[in-house]
N, C-alpha and C. Protein backbone atom coordinates (compact mmCIF):
# COMPACT_ATOMS: atom_id res chain seq x y z
N UNK A 1 0.14 7.03 31.50
CA UNK A 1 0.23 6.44 30.18
C UNK A 1 0.18 7.51 29.09
N UNK A 2 -0.74 8.47 29.25
CA UNK A 2 -0.86 9.55 28.28
C UNK A 2 0.40 10.41 28.30
N UNK A 3 0.93 10.66 29.49
CA UNK A 3 2.14 11.48 29.62
C UNK A 3 3.30 10.80 28.90
N UNK A 4 3.43 9.48 29.05
CA UNK A 4 4.51 8.75 28.39
C UNK A 4 4.35 8.85 26.88
N UNK A 5 3.13 8.72 26.38
CA UNK A 5 2.89 8.81 24.94
C UNK A 5 3.25 10.19 24.41
N UNK A 6 2.88 11.23 25.14
CA UNK A 6 3.19 12.60 24.74
C UNK A 6 4.70 12.82 24.73
N UNK A 7 5.38 12.32 25.76
CA UNK A 7 6.83 12.47 25.83
C UNK A 7 7.52 11.72 24.70
N UNK A 8 7.06 10.51 24.40
CA UNK A 8 7.64 9.72 23.31
C UNK A 8 7.43 10.42 21.98
N UNK A 9 6.23 10.97 21.76
CA UNK A 9 5.96 11.70 20.53
C UNK A 9 6.84 12.92 20.39
N UNK A 10 7.02 13.65 21.48
CA UNK A 10 7.88 14.84 21.48
C UNK A 10 9.33 14.45 21.18
N UNK A 11 9.79 13.37 21.77
CA UNK A 11 11.14 12.89 21.56
C UNK A 11 11.36 12.50 20.10
N UNK A 12 10.39 11.80 19.52
CA UNK A 12 10.51 11.39 18.13
C UNK A 12 10.55 12.59 17.20
N UNK A 13 9.72 13.60 17.48
CA UNK A 13 9.72 14.79 16.64
C UNK A 13 11.04 15.55 16.79
N UNK A 14 11.60 15.58 17.95
CA UNK A 14 12.86 16.27 18.18
C UNK A 14 14.01 15.58 17.47
N UNK A 15 13.93 14.25 17.34
CA UNK A 15 14.99 13.48 16.69
C UNK A 15 14.94 13.61 15.17
N UNK A 16 13.84 14.04 14.64
CA UNK A 16 13.71 14.18 13.20
C UNK A 16 14.59 15.33 12.75
N UNK A 17 15.59 15.02 11.95
CA UNK A 17 16.54 16.03 11.53
C UNK A 17 16.26 16.57 10.13
N UNK A 18 15.31 15.99 9.43
CA UNK A 18 15.02 16.41 8.08
C UNK A 18 14.06 17.59 8.07
N UNK A 19 14.40 18.60 7.32
CA UNK A 19 13.47 19.72 7.17
C UNK A 19 12.39 19.35 6.17
N UNK A 20 11.35 20.15 6.11
CA UNK A 20 10.28 19.90 5.15
C UNK A 20 10.81 19.90 3.72
N UNK A 21 11.69 20.82 3.42
CA UNK A 21 12.27 20.91 2.07
C UNK A 21 13.10 19.67 1.74
N UNK A 22 13.88 19.19 2.73
CA UNK A 22 14.69 17.98 2.51
C UNK A 22 13.79 16.76 2.30
N UNK A 23 12.72 16.66 3.09
CA UNK A 23 11.78 15.55 2.96
C UNK A 23 11.11 15.57 1.59
N UNK A 24 10.69 16.76 1.15
CA UNK A 24 10.06 16.89 -0.17
C UNK A 24 11.03 16.55 -1.30
N UNK A 25 12.29 16.96 -1.14
CA UNK A 25 13.31 16.64 -2.16
C UNK A 25 13.54 15.12 -2.22
N UNK A 26 13.57 14.48 -1.06
CA UNK A 26 13.75 13.02 -1.02
C UNK A 26 12.56 12.32 -1.66
N UNK A 27 11.35 12.78 -1.37
CA UNK A 27 10.15 12.19 -1.97
C UNK A 27 10.14 12.39 -3.49
N UNK A 28 10.57 13.56 -3.96
CA UNK A 28 10.63 13.82 -5.40
C UNK A 28 11.65 12.91 -6.08
N UNK A 29 12.79 12.69 -5.42
CA UNK A 29 13.81 11.79 -5.97
C UNK A 29 13.28 10.36 -6.03
N UNK A 30 12.57 9.94 -4.99
CA UNK A 30 11.97 8.59 -4.96
C UNK A 30 10.97 8.45 -6.11
N UNK A 31 10.11 9.45 -6.30
CA UNK A 31 9.11 9.41 -7.38
C UNK A 31 9.78 9.34 -8.74
N UNK A 32 10.88 10.08 -8.90
CA UNK A 32 11.62 10.07 -10.17
C UNK A 32 12.19 8.67 -10.45
N UNK A 33 12.77 8.05 -9.43
CA UNK A 33 13.36 6.72 -9.59
C UNK A 33 12.28 5.68 -9.90
N UNK A 34 11.12 5.78 -9.26
CA UNK A 34 10.02 4.85 -9.54
C UNK A 34 9.56 5.03 -10.99
N UNK A 35 9.38 6.27 -11.42
CA UNK A 35 8.94 6.54 -12.79
C UNK A 35 9.93 6.00 -13.81
N UNK A 36 11.22 6.24 -13.59
CA UNK A 36 12.25 5.77 -14.51
C UNK A 36 12.26 4.24 -14.62
N UNK A 37 12.14 3.57 -13.49
CA UNK A 37 12.13 2.10 -13.49
C UNK A 37 10.91 1.57 -14.26
N UNK A 38 9.74 2.17 -14.04
CA UNK A 38 8.54 1.74 -14.75
C UNK A 38 8.64 2.04 -16.24
N UNK A 39 9.18 3.21 -16.59
CA UNK A 39 9.34 3.57 -18.00
C UNK A 39 10.27 2.61 -18.73
N UNK A 40 11.32 2.17 -18.05
CA UNK A 40 12.29 1.23 -18.64
C UNK A 40 11.77 -0.21 -18.64
N UNK A 41 10.67 -0.43 -17.91
CA UNK A 41 10.12 -1.79 -17.72
C UNK A 41 11.19 -2.72 -17.13
N UNK A 42 11.87 -2.19 -16.12
CA UNK A 42 12.88 -2.97 -15.41
C UNK A 42 12.78 -2.61 -13.93
N UNK A 43 11.99 -3.43 -13.19
CA UNK A 43 11.75 -3.13 -11.78
C UNK A 43 11.43 -4.40 -11.01
N UNK A 44 11.60 -4.29 -9.68
CA UNK A 44 11.32 -5.40 -8.77
C UNK A 44 10.47 -4.88 -7.63
N UNK A 45 9.45 -5.65 -7.26
CA UNK A 45 8.59 -5.30 -6.14
C UNK A 45 8.75 -6.37 -5.07
N UNK A 46 9.20 -5.96 -3.90
CA UNK A 46 9.35 -6.88 -2.77
C UNK A 46 8.02 -6.96 -2.04
N UNK A 47 7.51 -8.16 -1.86
CA UNK A 47 6.19 -8.39 -1.28
C UNK A 47 6.29 -8.47 0.24
N UNK A 48 5.32 -7.82 0.95
CA UNK A 48 5.31 -7.91 2.41
C UNK A 48 3.98 -8.42 2.97
N UNK A 49 2.91 -8.41 2.17
CA UNK A 49 1.60 -8.92 2.61
C UNK A 49 0.92 -9.65 1.46
N UNK A 50 0.14 -10.66 1.80
CA UNK A 50 -0.70 -11.33 0.82
C UNK A 50 -2.13 -11.35 1.34
N UNK A 51 -3.09 -11.28 0.42
CA UNK A 51 -4.50 -11.21 0.77
C UNK A 51 -5.24 -12.30 -0.01
N UNK A 52 -5.42 -13.43 0.62
CA UNK A 52 -6.12 -14.55 -0.01
C UNK A 52 -7.63 -14.34 0.15
N UNK A 53 -8.40 -14.66 -0.87
CA UNK A 53 -9.84 -14.40 -0.86
C UNK A 53 -10.56 -15.08 0.31
N UNK A 54 -10.24 -16.33 0.58
CA UNK A 54 -10.94 -17.08 1.62
C UNK A 54 -10.18 -17.17 2.94
N UNK A 55 -8.92 -16.83 2.92
CA UNK A 55 -8.09 -17.05 4.10
C UNK A 55 -7.58 -15.77 4.76
N UNK A 56 -8.01 -14.62 4.27
CA UNK A 56 -7.64 -13.36 4.88
C UNK A 56 -6.22 -12.92 4.54
N UNK A 57 -5.72 -11.96 5.28
CA UNK A 57 -4.38 -11.42 5.01
C UNK A 57 -3.33 -12.14 5.85
N UNK A 58 -2.13 -12.18 5.29
CA UNK A 58 -1.00 -12.84 5.97
C UNK A 58 0.25 -12.01 5.71
N UNK A 59 1.05 -11.81 6.76
CA UNK A 59 2.37 -11.20 6.58
C UNK A 59 3.25 -12.16 5.80
N UNK A 60 4.07 -11.64 4.95
CA UNK A 60 5.00 -12.45 4.17
C UNK A 60 6.39 -12.19 4.75
N UNK A 61 7.07 -13.25 5.15
CA UNK A 61 8.32 -13.09 5.88
C UNK A 61 9.55 -13.50 5.08
N UNK A 62 9.38 -13.91 3.85
CA UNK A 62 10.53 -14.37 3.08
C UNK A 62 10.83 -13.35 1.97
N UNK A 63 11.68 -13.73 1.06
CA UNK A 63 12.08 -12.84 -0.03
C UNK A 63 11.19 -13.00 -1.26
N UNK A 64 9.89 -12.91 -1.10
CA UNK A 64 8.95 -13.04 -2.21
C UNK A 64 8.96 -11.75 -3.03
N UNK A 65 8.83 -11.88 -4.34
CA UNK A 65 8.90 -10.68 -5.18
C UNK A 65 8.26 -10.91 -6.54
N UNK A 66 8.07 -9.81 -7.23
CA UNK A 66 7.60 -9.81 -8.61
C UNK A 66 8.56 -8.90 -9.36
N UNK A 67 9.11 -9.39 -10.47
CA UNK A 67 10.10 -8.60 -11.19
C UNK A 67 9.77 -8.57 -12.67
N UNK A 68 9.86 -7.38 -13.25
CA UNK A 68 9.69 -7.21 -14.69
C UNK A 68 11.05 -6.85 -15.25
N UNK A 69 11.49 -7.63 -16.23
CA UNK A 69 12.77 -7.40 -16.91
C UNK A 69 12.48 -7.28 -18.40
N UNK A 70 12.11 -6.08 -18.83
CA UNK A 70 11.77 -5.88 -20.24
C UNK A 70 10.49 -6.62 -20.58
N UNK A 71 10.63 -7.65 -21.41
CA UNK A 71 9.46 -8.44 -21.84
C UNK A 71 9.32 -9.75 -21.07
N UNK A 72 9.96 -9.85 -19.92
CA UNK A 72 9.94 -11.07 -19.12
C UNK A 72 9.43 -10.78 -17.71
N UNK A 73 8.60 -11.67 -17.20
CA UNK A 73 8.11 -11.58 -15.82
C UNK A 73 8.74 -12.68 -14.99
N UNK A 74 9.29 -12.30 -13.84
CA UNK A 74 9.80 -13.28 -12.87
C UNK A 74 8.85 -13.18 -11.68
N UNK A 75 7.99 -14.18 -11.56
CA UNK A 75 7.00 -14.21 -10.50
C UNK A 75 7.45 -15.20 -9.43
N UNK A 76 7.72 -14.69 -8.25
CA UNK A 76 8.10 -15.54 -7.11
C UNK A 76 7.20 -15.14 -5.96
N UNK A 77 5.95 -15.66 -6.01
CA UNK A 77 4.91 -15.25 -5.07
C UNK A 77 4.32 -16.46 -4.34
N UNK A 78 4.04 -16.30 -3.05
CA UNK A 78 3.38 -17.37 -2.30
C UNK A 78 1.92 -17.44 -2.74
N UNK A 79 1.32 -18.61 -2.58
CA UNK A 79 -0.10 -18.74 -2.95
C UNK A 79 -0.82 -19.63 -1.95
N UNK A 80 -1.97 -19.15 -1.47
CA UNK A 80 -2.93 -20.00 -0.78
C UNK A 80 -4.28 -19.64 -1.36
N UNK A 81 -5.04 -20.66 -1.62
CA UNK A 81 -6.35 -20.44 -2.22
C UNK A 81 -6.88 -21.73 -2.80
N UNK A 82 -7.95 -21.61 -3.55
CA UNK A 82 -8.63 -22.76 -4.12
C UNK A 82 -8.25 -22.93 -5.58
N UNK A 83 -7.90 -24.14 -5.95
CA UNK A 83 -7.65 -24.47 -7.36
C UNK A 83 -8.94 -25.00 -7.96
N UNK A 84 -9.33 -24.44 -9.11
CA UNK A 84 -10.55 -24.88 -9.78
C UNK A 84 -10.31 -26.10 -10.65
N UNK A 85 -9.06 -26.29 -11.02
CA UNK A 85 -8.71 -27.36 -11.94
C UNK A 85 -7.36 -27.93 -11.54
N UNK A 86 -7.25 -29.23 -11.49
CA UNK A 86 -5.98 -29.86 -11.13
C UNK A 86 -4.97 -29.65 -12.25
N UNK A 87 -3.73 -29.34 -11.87
CA UNK A 87 -2.66 -29.15 -12.84
C UNK A 87 -1.83 -30.41 -12.91
N UNK A 88 -1.46 -30.77 -14.12
CA UNK A 88 -0.57 -31.90 -14.33
C UNK A 88 0.76 -31.36 -14.81
N UNK A 89 1.82 -31.97 -14.43
CA UNK A 89 3.13 -31.47 -14.83
C UNK A 89 3.82 -30.79 -13.68
N UNK A 90 4.41 -29.64 -13.95
CA UNK A 90 5.26 -28.99 -12.94
C UNK A 90 4.47 -28.35 -11.81
N UNK A 91 3.27 -27.85 -12.09
CA UNK A 91 2.45 -27.17 -11.09
C UNK A 91 3.27 -26.09 -10.37
N UNK A 92 3.83 -25.18 -11.16
CA UNK A 92 4.69 -24.15 -10.59
C UNK A 92 3.92 -23.06 -9.85
N UNK A 93 2.62 -23.00 -10.01
CA UNK A 93 1.83 -22.00 -9.32
C UNK A 93 2.22 -20.59 -9.73
N UNK A 94 2.60 -19.77 -8.78
CA UNK A 94 2.99 -18.40 -9.07
C UNK A 94 4.51 -18.19 -8.95
N UNK A 95 5.25 -19.28 -9.09
CA UNK A 95 6.72 -19.24 -9.08
C UNK A 95 7.23 -19.68 -10.44
N UNK A 96 7.54 -18.70 -11.30
CA UNK A 96 7.96 -19.02 -12.66
C UNK A 96 8.57 -17.79 -13.31
N UNK A 97 9.23 -18.02 -14.43
CA UNK A 97 9.71 -16.97 -15.31
C UNK A 97 9.08 -17.22 -16.66
N UNK A 98 8.47 -16.18 -17.26
CA UNK A 98 7.77 -16.35 -18.53
C UNK A 98 7.76 -15.04 -19.32
N UNK A 99 7.66 -15.16 -20.65
CA UNK A 99 7.54 -13.94 -21.45
C UNK A 99 6.19 -13.27 -21.23
N UNK A 100 6.19 -11.95 -21.25
CA UNK A 100 4.95 -11.17 -21.11
C UNK A 100 4.30 -11.09 -22.48
N UNK A 101 3.04 -11.54 -22.58
CA UNK A 101 2.36 -11.51 -23.88
C UNK A 101 1.60 -10.20 -24.10
N UNK A 102 1.22 -9.52 -23.03
CA UNK A 102 0.51 -8.25 -23.16
C UNK A 102 0.90 -7.36 -21.98
N UNK A 103 1.24 -6.09 -22.26
CA UNK A 103 1.66 -5.14 -21.23
C UNK A 103 0.99 -3.81 -21.51
N UNK A 104 0.14 -3.37 -20.59
CA UNK A 104 -0.56 -2.09 -20.73
C UNK A 104 -0.19 -1.20 -19.55
N UNK A 105 0.19 0.04 -19.85
CA UNK A 105 0.61 0.98 -18.83
C UNK A 105 -0.17 2.27 -19.04
N UNK A 106 -0.97 2.66 -18.05
CA UNK A 106 -1.80 3.86 -18.17
C UNK A 106 -1.05 5.14 -17.83
N UNK A 107 0.19 5.06 -17.38
CA UNK A 107 0.93 6.25 -16.98
C UNK A 107 0.45 6.76 -15.63
N UNK A 108 1.19 7.70 -15.06
CA UNK A 108 0.83 8.24 -13.75
C UNK A 108 -0.37 9.17 -13.86
N UNK A 109 -1.34 8.94 -13.00
CA UNK A 109 -2.50 9.81 -12.87
C UNK A 109 -2.78 9.94 -11.39
N UNK A 110 -2.75 11.16 -10.88
CA UNK A 110 -3.01 11.44 -9.46
C UNK A 110 -2.11 10.64 -8.53
N UNK A 111 -0.83 10.54 -8.88
CA UNK A 111 0.14 9.91 -8.00
C UNK A 111 0.18 8.40 -8.04
N UNK A 112 -0.55 7.78 -8.97
CA UNK A 112 -0.48 6.32 -9.09
C UNK A 112 -0.48 5.92 -10.56
N UNK A 113 0.01 4.72 -10.79
CA UNK A 113 0.15 4.21 -12.15
C UNK A 113 -0.42 2.80 -12.21
N UNK A 114 -1.30 2.55 -13.17
CA UNK A 114 -1.92 1.23 -13.35
C UNK A 114 -1.20 0.49 -14.48
N UNK A 115 -0.78 -0.74 -14.19
CA UNK A 115 -0.13 -1.58 -15.18
C UNK A 115 -0.84 -2.93 -15.19
N UNK A 116 -1.18 -3.39 -16.39
CA UNK A 116 -1.79 -4.71 -16.55
C UNK A 116 -0.90 -5.53 -17.48
N UNK A 117 -0.63 -6.76 -17.06
CA UNK A 117 0.16 -7.62 -17.92
C UNK A 117 -0.38 -9.04 -17.89
N UNK A 118 -0.11 -9.76 -18.95
CA UNK A 118 -0.59 -11.14 -19.09
C UNK A 118 0.59 -12.04 -19.43
N UNK A 119 0.62 -13.20 -18.78
CA UNK A 119 1.65 -14.20 -19.05
C UNK A 119 1.00 -15.58 -19.09
N UNK A 120 1.67 -16.47 -19.78
CA UNK A 120 1.26 -17.88 -19.78
C UNK A 120 2.45 -18.67 -19.27
N UNK A 121 2.21 -19.38 -18.13
CA UNK A 121 3.27 -20.26 -17.65
C UNK A 121 2.96 -21.67 -18.14
N UNK A 122 3.62 -22.66 -17.61
CA UNK A 122 3.42 -24.04 -18.07
C UNK A 122 2.00 -24.54 -17.84
N UNK A 123 1.32 -23.99 -16.80
CA UNK A 123 0.04 -24.53 -16.39
C UNK A 123 -1.16 -23.63 -16.64
N UNK A 124 -0.97 -22.34 -16.82
CA UNK A 124 -2.09 -21.43 -16.69
C UNK A 124 -1.86 -20.14 -17.47
N UNK A 125 -2.94 -19.39 -17.68
CA UNK A 125 -2.89 -18.04 -18.23
C UNK A 125 -3.20 -17.10 -17.08
N UNK A 126 -2.31 -16.14 -16.81
CA UNK A 126 -2.42 -15.29 -15.63
C UNK A 126 -2.43 -13.81 -16.01
N UNK A 127 -3.31 -13.06 -15.35
CA UNK A 127 -3.38 -11.62 -15.52
C UNK A 127 -2.94 -10.97 -14.21
N UNK A 128 -1.99 -10.05 -14.31
CA UNK A 128 -1.49 -9.29 -13.16
C UNK A 128 -1.91 -7.84 -13.34
N UNK A 129 -2.44 -7.25 -12.29
CA UNK A 129 -2.75 -5.83 -12.30
C UNK A 129 -1.99 -5.18 -11.17
N UNK A 130 -1.14 -4.21 -11.50
CA UNK A 130 -0.32 -3.51 -10.53
C UNK A 130 -0.79 -2.08 -10.40
N UNK A 131 -0.91 -1.62 -9.17
CA UNK A 131 -1.17 -0.22 -8.89
C UNK A 131 0.04 0.28 -8.12
N UNK A 132 0.84 1.11 -8.80
CA UNK A 132 2.09 1.58 -8.24
C UNK A 132 1.95 3.06 -7.88
N UNK A 133 2.18 3.38 -6.63
CA UNK A 133 2.15 4.77 -6.18
C UNK A 133 3.51 5.42 -6.48
N UNK A 134 3.54 6.74 -6.56
CA UNK A 134 4.81 7.39 -6.90
C UNK A 134 5.89 7.23 -5.83
N UNK A 135 5.51 6.78 -4.63
CA UNK A 135 6.51 6.50 -3.59
C UNK A 135 7.00 5.05 -3.63
N UNK A 136 6.48 4.25 -4.57
CA UNK A 136 6.92 2.86 -4.73
C UNK A 136 6.02 1.84 -4.07
N UNK A 137 5.08 2.27 -3.22
CA UNK A 137 4.13 1.32 -2.64
C UNK A 137 3.29 0.72 -3.77
N UNK A 138 3.10 -0.59 -3.72
CA UNK A 138 2.45 -1.28 -4.82
C UNK A 138 1.44 -2.29 -4.31
N UNK A 139 0.30 -2.37 -5.01
CA UNK A 139 -0.64 -3.46 -4.78
C UNK A 139 -0.73 -4.26 -6.08
N UNK A 140 -0.85 -5.56 -5.93
CA UNK A 140 -0.85 -6.47 -7.08
C UNK A 140 -2.06 -7.40 -6.95
N UNK A 141 -2.84 -7.50 -8.00
CA UNK A 141 -3.92 -8.47 -8.08
C UNK A 141 -3.55 -9.49 -9.14
N UNK A 142 -3.69 -10.77 -8.81
CA UNK A 142 -3.39 -11.83 -9.77
C UNK A 142 -4.66 -12.63 -10.01
N UNK A 143 -5.06 -12.70 -11.28
CA UNK A 143 -6.22 -13.48 -11.69
C UNK A 143 -5.75 -14.64 -12.55
N UNK A 144 -6.27 -15.81 -12.25
CA UNK A 144 -5.86 -17.03 -12.91
C UNK A 144 -7.07 -17.72 -13.53
N UNK A 145 -6.85 -18.52 -14.54
CA UNK A 145 -7.93 -19.31 -15.13
C UNK A 145 -8.22 -20.56 -14.28
N UNK A 146 -7.21 -21.03 -13.55
CA UNK A 146 -7.33 -22.29 -12.83
C UNK A 146 -7.35 -22.17 -11.31
N UNK A 147 -7.15 -20.96 -10.80
CA UNK A 147 -7.07 -20.76 -9.35
C UNK A 147 -7.87 -19.54 -8.95
N UNK A 148 -8.23 -19.52 -7.68
CA UNK A 148 -8.86 -18.36 -7.11
C UNK A 148 -7.87 -17.18 -7.13
N UNK A 149 -8.38 -15.98 -7.36
CA UNK A 149 -7.52 -14.80 -7.39
C UNK A 149 -6.90 -14.53 -6.03
N UNK A 150 -5.82 -13.75 -6.04
CA UNK A 150 -5.11 -13.40 -4.83
C UNK A 150 -4.49 -12.01 -5.02
N UNK A 151 -4.26 -11.31 -3.93
CA UNK A 151 -3.67 -9.97 -3.98
C UNK A 151 -2.46 -9.90 -3.07
N UNK A 152 -1.59 -8.94 -3.36
CA UNK A 152 -0.37 -8.73 -2.60
C UNK A 152 -0.13 -7.23 -2.45
N UNK A 153 0.67 -6.87 -1.46
CA UNK A 153 1.16 -5.49 -1.37
C UNK A 153 2.65 -5.56 -1.09
N UNK A 154 3.33 -4.51 -1.53
CA UNK A 154 4.77 -4.48 -1.34
C UNK A 154 5.34 -3.12 -1.69
N UNK A 155 6.65 -3.10 -1.83
CA UNK A 155 7.39 -1.86 -2.08
C UNK A 155 8.35 -2.08 -3.24
N UNK A 156 8.37 -1.14 -4.17
CA UNK A 156 9.31 -1.24 -5.28
C UNK A 156 10.72 -1.01 -4.75
N UNK A 157 11.64 -1.85 -5.20
CA UNK A 157 13.04 -1.75 -4.82
C UNK A 157 13.72 -0.81 -5.81
N UNK A 158 13.85 0.47 -5.44
CA UNK A 158 14.44 1.45 -6.35
C UNK A 158 15.93 1.68 -6.08
N UNK A 159 16.47 1.02 -5.11
CA UNK A 159 17.88 1.18 -4.75
C UNK A 159 18.78 0.26 -5.56
N UNK A 160 18.25 -0.42 -6.53
CA UNK A 160 19.01 -1.42 -7.29
C UNK A 160 19.95 -0.79 -8.26
């Protein structure tokens, strides 16, 4: 078993055709694209995991995402958790498009960037906190007035 693992590791390393310089150049280009998208306030984060407070973590298998388009937030996120207050009307949860009422960006510090934004949808006032790494990996915390908080992780789509 150990021999097979060693052979597989050796094979994978041999197949790697990128030099250290090429890898660093690719990482620098990725970081530049992430920075530009955040500076323009036009970016999309594809979600791959959700972390519900009471229900643990779950893989996300659909096309869930969070998108910022200037002063507009397009939130298409799954939700499981506890509602503190019943909603009347559409009950859109975390699936809505709404204007951003507050947007704070701390800029990149030590390879990550903190962004806080606030929106009001038909049912609730929501605060989103994004921690975006320079490689595009992102964690998102959503705090609601009417629901238990929830977190997500994903990757910024910089190939758009």
